[in-house]
């Protein structure tokens, strides 16, 4: 799996998790959803994504073929 796909999968999972936590436990978990959204927006402008940095350090995306990001 490429790093880009791993980051998108992680972001989607976190959004769904935060929505489930909001529904089952407390509306305050919407702040977590907002944090994820703000992080996605800032990374689109700056190119800096903390999740990608962590995943890269853990070795995610090393097995993906170069240039095959979204196939």
PDB file of N, CA and C in Angstrom:
ATOM      1  N   UNK A   1       0.854  -1.172   0.000  1.00  0.00           N
ATOM      2  CA  UNK A   1       0.000   0.000   0.000  1.00  0.00           C
ATOM      3  C   UNK A   1       0.899   1.233   0.000  1.00  0.00           C
ATOM      4  N   UNK A   2       0.529   2.199  -0.812  1.00  0.00           N
ATOM      5  CA  UNK A   2       1.324   3.428  -0.871  1.00  0.00           C
ATOM      6  C   UNK A   2       1.065   4.280   0.371  1.00  0.00           C
ATOM      7  N   UNK A   3       1.975   5.190   0.630  1.00  0.00           N
ATOM      8  CA  UNK A   3       1.842   6.078   1.777  1.00  0.00           C
ATOM      9  C   UNK A   3       0.588   6.944   1.648  1.00  0.00           C
ATOM     10  N   UNK A   4       0.306   7.433   0.449  1.00  0.00           N
ATOM     11  CA  UNK A   4      -0.863   8.285   0.243  1.00  0.00           C
ATOM     12  C   UNK A   4      -2.158   7.545   0.565  1.00  0.00           C
ATOM     13  N   UNK A   5      -2.245   6.312   0.115  1.00  0.00           N
ATOM     14  CA  UNK A   5      -3.452   5.532   0.400  1.00  0.00           C
ATOM     15  C   UNK A   5      -3.565   5.207   1.887  1.00  0.00           C
ATOM     16  N   UNK A   6      -2.453   4.942   2.523  1.00  0.00           N
ATOM     17  CA  UNK A   6      -2.466   4.654   3.957  1.00  0.00           C
ATOM     18  C   UNK A   6      -2.943   5.865   4.748  1.00  0.00           C
ATOM     19  N   UNK A   7      -2.501   7.061   4.349  1.00  0.00           N
ATOM     20  CA  UNK A   7      -2.934   8.281   5.040  1.00  0.00           C
ATOM     21  C   UNK A   7      -4.426   8.509   4.832  1.00  0.00           C
ATOM     22  N   UNK A   8      -4.917   8.301   3.603  1.00  0.00           N
ATOM     23  CA  UNK A   8      -6.353   8.474   3.350  1.00  0.00           C
ATOM     24  C   UNK A   8      -7.177   7.462   4.136  1.00  0.00           C
ATOM     25  N   UNK A   9      -6.714   6.228   4.196  1.00  0.00           N
ATOM     26  CA  UNK A   9      -7.424   5.198   4.957  1.00  0.00           C
ATOM     27  C   UNK A   9      -7.439   5.534   6.445  1.00  0.00           C
ATOM     28  N   UNK A  10      -6.318   6.023   6.950  1.00  0.00           N
ATOM     29  CA  UNK A  10      -6.227   6.397   8.357  1.00  0.00           C
ATOM     30  C   UNK A  10      -7.171   7.561   8.670  1.00  0.00           C
ATOM     31  N   UNK A  11      -7.183   8.578   7.813  1.00  0.00           N
ATOM     32  CA  UNK A  11      -8.054   9.740   8.033  1.00  0.00           C
ATOM     33  C   UNK A  11      -9.529   9.327   8.006  1.00  0.00           C
ATOM     34  N   UNK A  12      -9.888   8.502   7.040  1.00  0.00           N
ATOM     35  CA  UNK A  12     -11.271   8.033   6.968  1.00  0.00           C
ATOM     36  C   UNK A  12     -11.681   7.220   8.176  1.00  0.00           C
ATOM     37  N   UNK A  13     -10.776   6.376   8.640  1.00  0.00           N
ATOM     38  CA  UNK A  13     -11.046   5.560   9.827  1.00  0.00           C
ATOM     39  C   UNK A  13     -11.230   6.439  11.060  1.00  0.00           C
ATOM     40  N   UNK A  14     -10.387   7.449  11.196  1.00  0.00           N
ATOM     41  CA  UNK A  14     -10.493   8.348  12.351  1.00  0.00           C
ATOM     42  C   UNK A  14     -11.795   9.155  12.327  1.00  0.00           C
ATOM     43  N   UNK A  15     -12.219   9.583  11.150  1.00  0.00           N
ATOM     44  CA  UNK A  15     -13.488  10.315  11.046  1.00  0.00           C
ATOM     45  C   UNK A  15     -14.645   9.410  11.449  1.00  0.00           C
ATOM     46  N   UNK A  16     -14.668   8.192  10.926  1.00  0.00           N
ATOM     47  CA  UNK A  16     -15.742   7.264  11.286  1.00  0.00           C
ATOM     48  C   UNK A  16     -15.717   6.910  12.769  1.00  0.00           C
ATOM     49  N   UNK A  17     -14.522   6.729  13.316  1.00  0.00           N
ATOM     50  CA  UNK A  17     -14.394   6.451  14.745  1.00  0.00           C
ATOM     51  C   UNK A  17     -14.921   7.609  15.575  1.00  0.00           C
ATOM     52  N   UNK A  18     -14.562   8.825  15.199  1.00  0.00           N
ATOM     53  CA  UNK A  18     -15.020   9.987  15.977  1.00  0.00           C
ATOM     54  C   UNK A  18     -16.534  10.159  15.878  1.00  0.00           C
ATOM     55  N   UNK A  19     -17.106   9.855  14.717  1.00  0.00           N
ATOM     56  CA  UNK A  19     -18.562   9.938  14.595  1.00  0.00           C
ATOM     57  C   UNK A  19     -19.246   8.881  15.452  1.00  0.00           C
ATOM     58  N   UNK A  20     -18.686   7.680  15.506  1.00  0.00           N
ATOM     59  CA  UNK A  20     -19.246   6.634  16.365  1.00  0.00           C
ATOM     60  C   UNK A  20     -19.141   7.022  17.838  1.00  0.00           C
ATOM     61  N   UNK A  21     -18.007   7.585  18.230  1.00  0.00           N
ATOM     62  CA  UNK A  21     -17.845   8.034  19.620  1.00  0.00           C
ATOM     63  C   UNK A  21     -18.836   9.150  19.957  1.00  0.00           C
ATOM     64  N   UNK A  22     -19.085  10.026  18.987  1.00  0.00           N
ATOM     65  CA  UNK A  22     -20.066  11.094  19.198  1.00  0.00           C
ATOM     66  C   UNK A  22     -21.454  10.511  19.392  1.00  0.00           C
ATOM     67  N   UNK A  23     -21.818   9.577  18.551  1.00  0.00           N
ATOM     68  CA  UNK A  23     -23.152   8.990  18.602  1.00  0.00           C
ATOM     69  C   UNK A  23     -23.386   8.196  19.892  1.00  0.00           C
ATOM     70  N   UNK A  24     -22.390   7.404  20.285  1.00  0.00           N
ATOM     71  CA  UNK A  24     -22.587   6.511  21.421  1.00  0.00           C
ATOM     72  C   UNK A  24     -22.218   7.104  22.775  1.00  0.00           C
ATOM     73  N   UNK A  25     -21.342   8.112  22.823  1.00  0.00           N
ATOM     74  CA  UNK A  25     -20.861   8.578  24.112  1.00  0.00           C
ATOM     75  C   UNK A  25     -21.132  10.039  24.405  1.00  0.00           C
ATOM     76  N   UNK A  26     -20.630  10.946  23.579  1.00  0.00           N
ATOM     77  CA  UNK A  26     -20.759  12.362  23.914  1.00  0.00           C
ATOM     78  C   UNK A  26     -20.605  13.219  22.665  1.00  0.00           C
ATOM     79  N   UNK A  27     -21.395  14.292  22.569  1.00  0.00           N
ATOM     80  CA  UNK A  27     -21.249  15.211  21.438  1.00  0.00           C
ATOM     81  C   UNK A  27     -19.890  15.923  21.422  1.00  0.00           C
ATOM     82  N   UNK A  28     -19.197  15.916  22.530  1.00  0.00           N
ATOM     83  CA  UNK A  28     -17.882  16.558  22.589  1.00  0.00           C
ATOM     84  C   UNK A  28     -16.865  15.887  21.669  1.00  0.00           C
ATOM     85  N   UNK A  29     -17.121  14.642  21.275  1.00  0.00           N
ATOM     86  CA  UNK A  29     -16.219  13.956  20.352  1.00  0.00           C
ATOM     87  C   UNK A  29     -16.219  14.594  18.976  1.00  0.00           C
ATOM     88  N   UNK A  30     -17.193  15.466  18.683  1.00  0.00           N
ATOM     89  CA  UNK A  30     -17.185  16.195  17.408  1.00  0.00           C
ATOM     90  C   UNK A  30     -15.952  17.099  17.308  1.00  0.00           C
ATOM     91  N   UNK A  31     -15.386  17.470  18.445  1.00  0.00           N
ATOM     92  CA  UNK A  31     -14.149  18.254  18.423  1.00  0.00           C
ATOM     93  C   UNK A  31     -13.018  17.448  17.792  1.00  0.00           C
ATOM     94  N   UNK A  32     -13.017  16.154  18.012  1.00  0.00           N
ATOM     95  CA  UNK A  32     -12.027  15.284  17.390  1.00  0.00           C
ATOM     96  C   UNK A  32     -12.219  15.271  15.870  1.00  0.00           C
ATOM     97  N   UNK A  33     -13.473  15.209  15.432  1.00  0.00           N
ATOM     98  CA  UNK A  33     -13.779  15.261  14.009  1.00  0.00           C
ATOM     99  C   UNK A  33     -13.302  16.581  13.417  1.00  0.00           C
ATOM    100  N   UNK A  34     -13.544  17.672  14.130  1.00  0.00           N
ATOM    101  CA  UNK A  34     -13.102  18.991  13.664  1.00  0.00           C
ATOM    102  C   UNK A  34     -11.574  19.052  13.586  1.00  0.00           C
ATOM    103  N   UNK A  35     -10.894  18.486  14.555  1.00  0.00           N
ATOM    104  CA  UNK A  35      -9.433  18.457  14.543  1.00  0.00           C
ATOM    105  C   UNK A  35      -8.917  17.721  13.307  1.00  0.00           C
ATOM    106  N   UNK A  36      -9.539  16.610  12.974  1.00  0.00           N
ATOM    107  CA  UNK A  36      -9.136  15.846  11.794  1.00  0.00           C
ATOM    108  C   UNK A  36      -9.334  16.681  10.537  1.00  0.00           C
ATOM    109  N   UNK A  37     -10.480  17.357  10.440  1.00  0.00           N
ATOM    110  CA  UNK A  37     -10.758  18.199   9.290  1.00  0.00           C
ATOM    111  C   UNK A  37      -9.765  19.336   9.149  1.00  0.00           C
ATOM    112  N   UNK A  38      -9.455  19.998  10.264  1.00  0.00           N
ATOM    113  CA  UNK A  38      -8.485  21.100  10.237  1.00  0.00           C
ATOM    114  C   UNK A  38      -7.108  20.575   9.825  1.00  0.00           C
ATOM    115  N   UNK A  39      -6.737  19.409  10.319  1.00  0.00           N
ATOM    116  CA  UNK A  39      -5.446  18.825   9.952  1.00  0.00           C
ATOM    117  C   UNK A  39      -5.394  18.498   8.462  1.00  0.00           C
ATOM    118  N   UNK A  40      -6.483  17.981   7.905  1.00  0.00           N
ATOM    119  CA  UNK A  40      -6.522  17.689   6.475  1.00  0.00           C
ATOM    120  C   UNK A  40      -6.406  18.965   5.644  1.00  0.00           C
ATOM    121  N   UNK A  41      -7.077  20.021   6.071  1.00  0.00           N
ATOM    122  CA  UNK A  41      -7.013  21.293   5.349  1.00  0.00           C
ATOM    123  C   UNK A  41      -5.610  21.882   5.415  1.00  0.00           C
ATOM    124  N   UNK A  42      -5.003  21.912   6.605  1.00  0.00           N
ATOM    125  CA  UNK A  42      -3.664  22.494   6.714  1.00  0.00           C
ATOM    126  C   UNK A  42      -2.653  21.684   5.927  1.00  0.00           C
ATOM    127  N   UNK A  43      -2.800  20.358   5.896  1.00  0.00           N
ATOM    128  CA  UNK A  43      -1.839  19.561   5.141  1.00  0.00           C
ATOM    129  C   UNK A  43      -1.997  19.766   3.637  1.00  0.00           C
ATOM    130  N   UNK A  44      -3.204  20.096   3.189  1.00  0.00           N
ATOM    131  CA  UNK A  44      -3.383  20.359   1.758  1.00  0.00           C
ATOM    132  C   UNK A  44      -2.707  21.660   1.347  1.00  0.00           C
ATOM    133  N   UNK A  45      -2.614  22.628   2.260  1.00  0.00           N
ATOM    134  CA  UNK A  45      -1.966  23.898   1.948  1.00  0.00           C
ATOM    135  C   UNK A  45      -0.458  23.868   2.181  1.00  0.00           C
ATOM    136  N   UNK A  46      -0.035  23.201   3.241  1.00  0.00           N
ATOM    137  CA  UNK A  46       1.383  23.233   3.609  1.00  0.00           C
ATOM    138  C   UNK A  46       2.172  22.040   3.103  1.00  0.00           C
ATOM    139  N   UNK A  47       1.488  20.932   2.836  1.00  0.00           N
ATOM    140  CA  UNK A  47       2.175  19.723   2.428  1.00  0.00           C
ATOM    141  C   UNK A  47       2.747  18.934   3.597  1.00  0.00           C
ATOM    142  N   UNK A  48       2.549  19.416   4.821  1.00  0.00           N
ATOM    143  CA  UNK A  48       3.041  18.733   6.014  1.00  0.00           C
ATOM    144  C   UNK A  48       1.909  17.921   6.631  1.00  0.00           C
ATOM    145  N   UNK A  49       2.116  16.619   6.756  1.00  0.00           N
ATOM    146  CA  UNK A  49       1.114  15.740   7.350  1.00  0.00           C
ATOM    147  C   UNK A  49       1.779  14.918   8.448  1.00  0.00           C
ATOM    148  N   UNK A  50       1.435  15.179   9.706  1.00  0.00           N
ATOM    149  CA  UNK A  50       2.042  14.430  10.809  1.00  0.00           C
ATOM    150  C   UNK A  50       1.823  12.915  10.697  1.00  0.00           C
ATOM    151  N   UNK A  51       0.640  12.507  10.252  1.00  0.00           N
ATOM    152  CA  UNK A  51       0.368  11.073  10.119  1.00  0.00           C
ATOM    153  C   UNK A  51       1.289  10.439   9.079  1.00  0.00           C
ATOM    154  N   UNK A  52       1.538  11.136   7.986  1.00  0.00           N
ATOM    155  CA  UNK A  52       2.425  10.605   6.947  1.00  0.00           C
ATOM    156  C   UNK A  52       3.851  10.480   7.467  1.00  0.00           C
ATOM    157  N   UNK A  53       4.279  11.444   8.273  1.00  0.00           N
ATOM    158  CA  UNK A  53       5.627  11.371   8.846  1.00  0.00           C
ATOM    159  C   UNK A  53       5.778  10.148   9.752  1.00  0.00           C
ATOM    160  N   UNK A  54       4.776   9.909  10.576  1.00  0.00           N
ATOM    161  CA  UNK A  54       4.812   8.762  11.481  1.00  0.00           C
ATOM    162  C   UNK A  54       4.768   7.464  10.684  1.00  0.00           C
ATOM    163  N   UNK A  55       3.872   7.397   9.699  1.00  0.00           N
ATOM    164  CA  UNK A  55       3.755   6.179   8.902  1.00  0.00           C
ATOM    165  C   UNK A  55       5.031   5.904   8.109  1.00  0.00           C
ATOM    166  N   UNK A  56       5.639   6.952   7.583  1.00  0.00           N
ATOM    167  CA  UNK A  56       6.887   6.778   6.836  1.00  0.00           C
ATOM    168  C   UNK A  56       7.969   6.226   7.756  1.00  0.00           C
ATOM    169  N   UNK A  57       8.027   6.737   8.998  1.00  0.00           N
ATOM    170  CA  UNK A  57       9.018   6.248   9.962  1.00  0.00           C
ATOM    171  C   UNK A  57       8.769   4.782  10.322  1.00  0.00           C
ATOM    172  N   UNK A  58       7.507   4.362  10.254  1.00  0.00           N
ATOM    173  CA  UNK A  58       7.159   2.973  10.556  1.00  0.00           C
ATOM    174  C   UNK A  58       7.334   2.055   9.354  1.00  0.00           C
ATOM    175  N   UNK A  59       7.673   2.637   8.195  1.00  0.00           N
ATOM    176  CA  UNK A  59       7.931   1.830   7.016  1.00  0.00           C
ATOM    177  C   UNK A  59       6.760   1.636   6.080  1.00  0.00           C
ATOM    178  N   UNK A  60       5.683   2.354   6.280  1.00  0.00           N
ATOM    179  CA  UNK A  60       4.524   2.230   5.397  1.00  0.00           C
ATOM    180  C   UNK A  60       4.877   2.804   4.029  1.00  0.00           C
ATOM    181  N   UNK A  61       4.518   2.089   2.986  1.00  0.00           N
ATOM    182  CA  UNK A  61       4.725   2.570   1.634  1.00  0.00           C
ATOM    183  C   UNK A  61       6.031   2.147   1.006  1.00  0.00           C
ATOM    184  N   UNK A  62       6.890   1.493   1.737  1.00  0.00           N
ATOM    185  CA  UNK A  62       8.177   1.073   1.169  1.00  0.00           C
ATOM    186  C   UNK A  62       8.016  -0.019   0.123  1.00  0.00           C
ATOM    187  N   UNK A  63       6.943  -0.810   0.243  1.00  0.00           N
ATOM    188  CA  UNK A  63       6.748  -1.906  -0.704  1.00  0.00           C
ATOM    189  C   UNK A  63       5.978  -1.477  -1.954  1.00  0.00           C
ATOM    190  N   UNK A  64       5.485  -0.245  -1.986  1.00  0.00           N
ATOM    191  CA  UNK A  64       4.728   0.227  -3.146  1.00  0.00           C
ATOM    192  C   UNK A  64       5.689   0.541  -4.295  1.00  0.00           C
ATOM    193  N   UNK A  65       5.254   0.234  -5.503  1.00  0.00           N
ATOM    194  CA  UNK A  65       6.075   0.523  -6.680  1.00  0.00           C
ATOM    195  C   UNK A  65       6.094   2.026  -6.932  1.00  0.00           C
ATOM    196  N   UNK A  66       7.221   2.594  -7.299  1.00  0.00           N
ATOM    197  CA  UNK A  66       7.275   4.032  -7.549  1.00  0.00           C
ATOM    198  C   UNK A  66       6.357   4.409  -8.700  1.00  0.00           C
ATOM    199  N   UNK A  67       5.630   5.494  -8.522  1.00  0.00           N
ATOM    200  CA  UNK A  67       4.736   5.985  -9.552  1.00  0.00           C
ATOM    201  C   UNK A  67       3.386   5.288  -9.600  1.00  0.00           C
ATOM    202  N   UNK A  68       3.127   4.369  -8.703  1.00  0.00           N
ATOM    203  CA  UNK A  68       1.844   3.627  -8.701  1.00  0.00           C
ATOM    204  C   UNK A  68       1.005   4.038  -7.507  1.00  0.00           C
ATOM    205  N   UNK A  69       0.820   5.300  -7.319  1.00  0.00           N
ATOM    206  CA  UNK A  69       0.164   5.787  -6.116  1.00  0.00           C
ATOM    207  C   UNK A  69      -1.333   5.523  -6.095  1.00  0.00           C
ATOM    208  N   UNK A  70      -2.034   5.729  -7.200  1.00  0.00           N
ATOM    209  CA  UNK A  70      -3.495   5.644  -7.152  1.00  0.00           C
ATOM    210  C   UNK A  70      -4.041   4.682  -8.204  1.00  0.00           C
ATOM    211  N   UNK A  71      -3.436   3.526  -8.320  1.00  0.00           N
ATOM    212  CA  UNK A  71      -3.954   2.537  -9.272  1.00  0.00           C
ATOM    213  C   UNK A  71      -4.745   1.488  -8.568  1.00  0.00           C
TER     214      UNK A  71
END
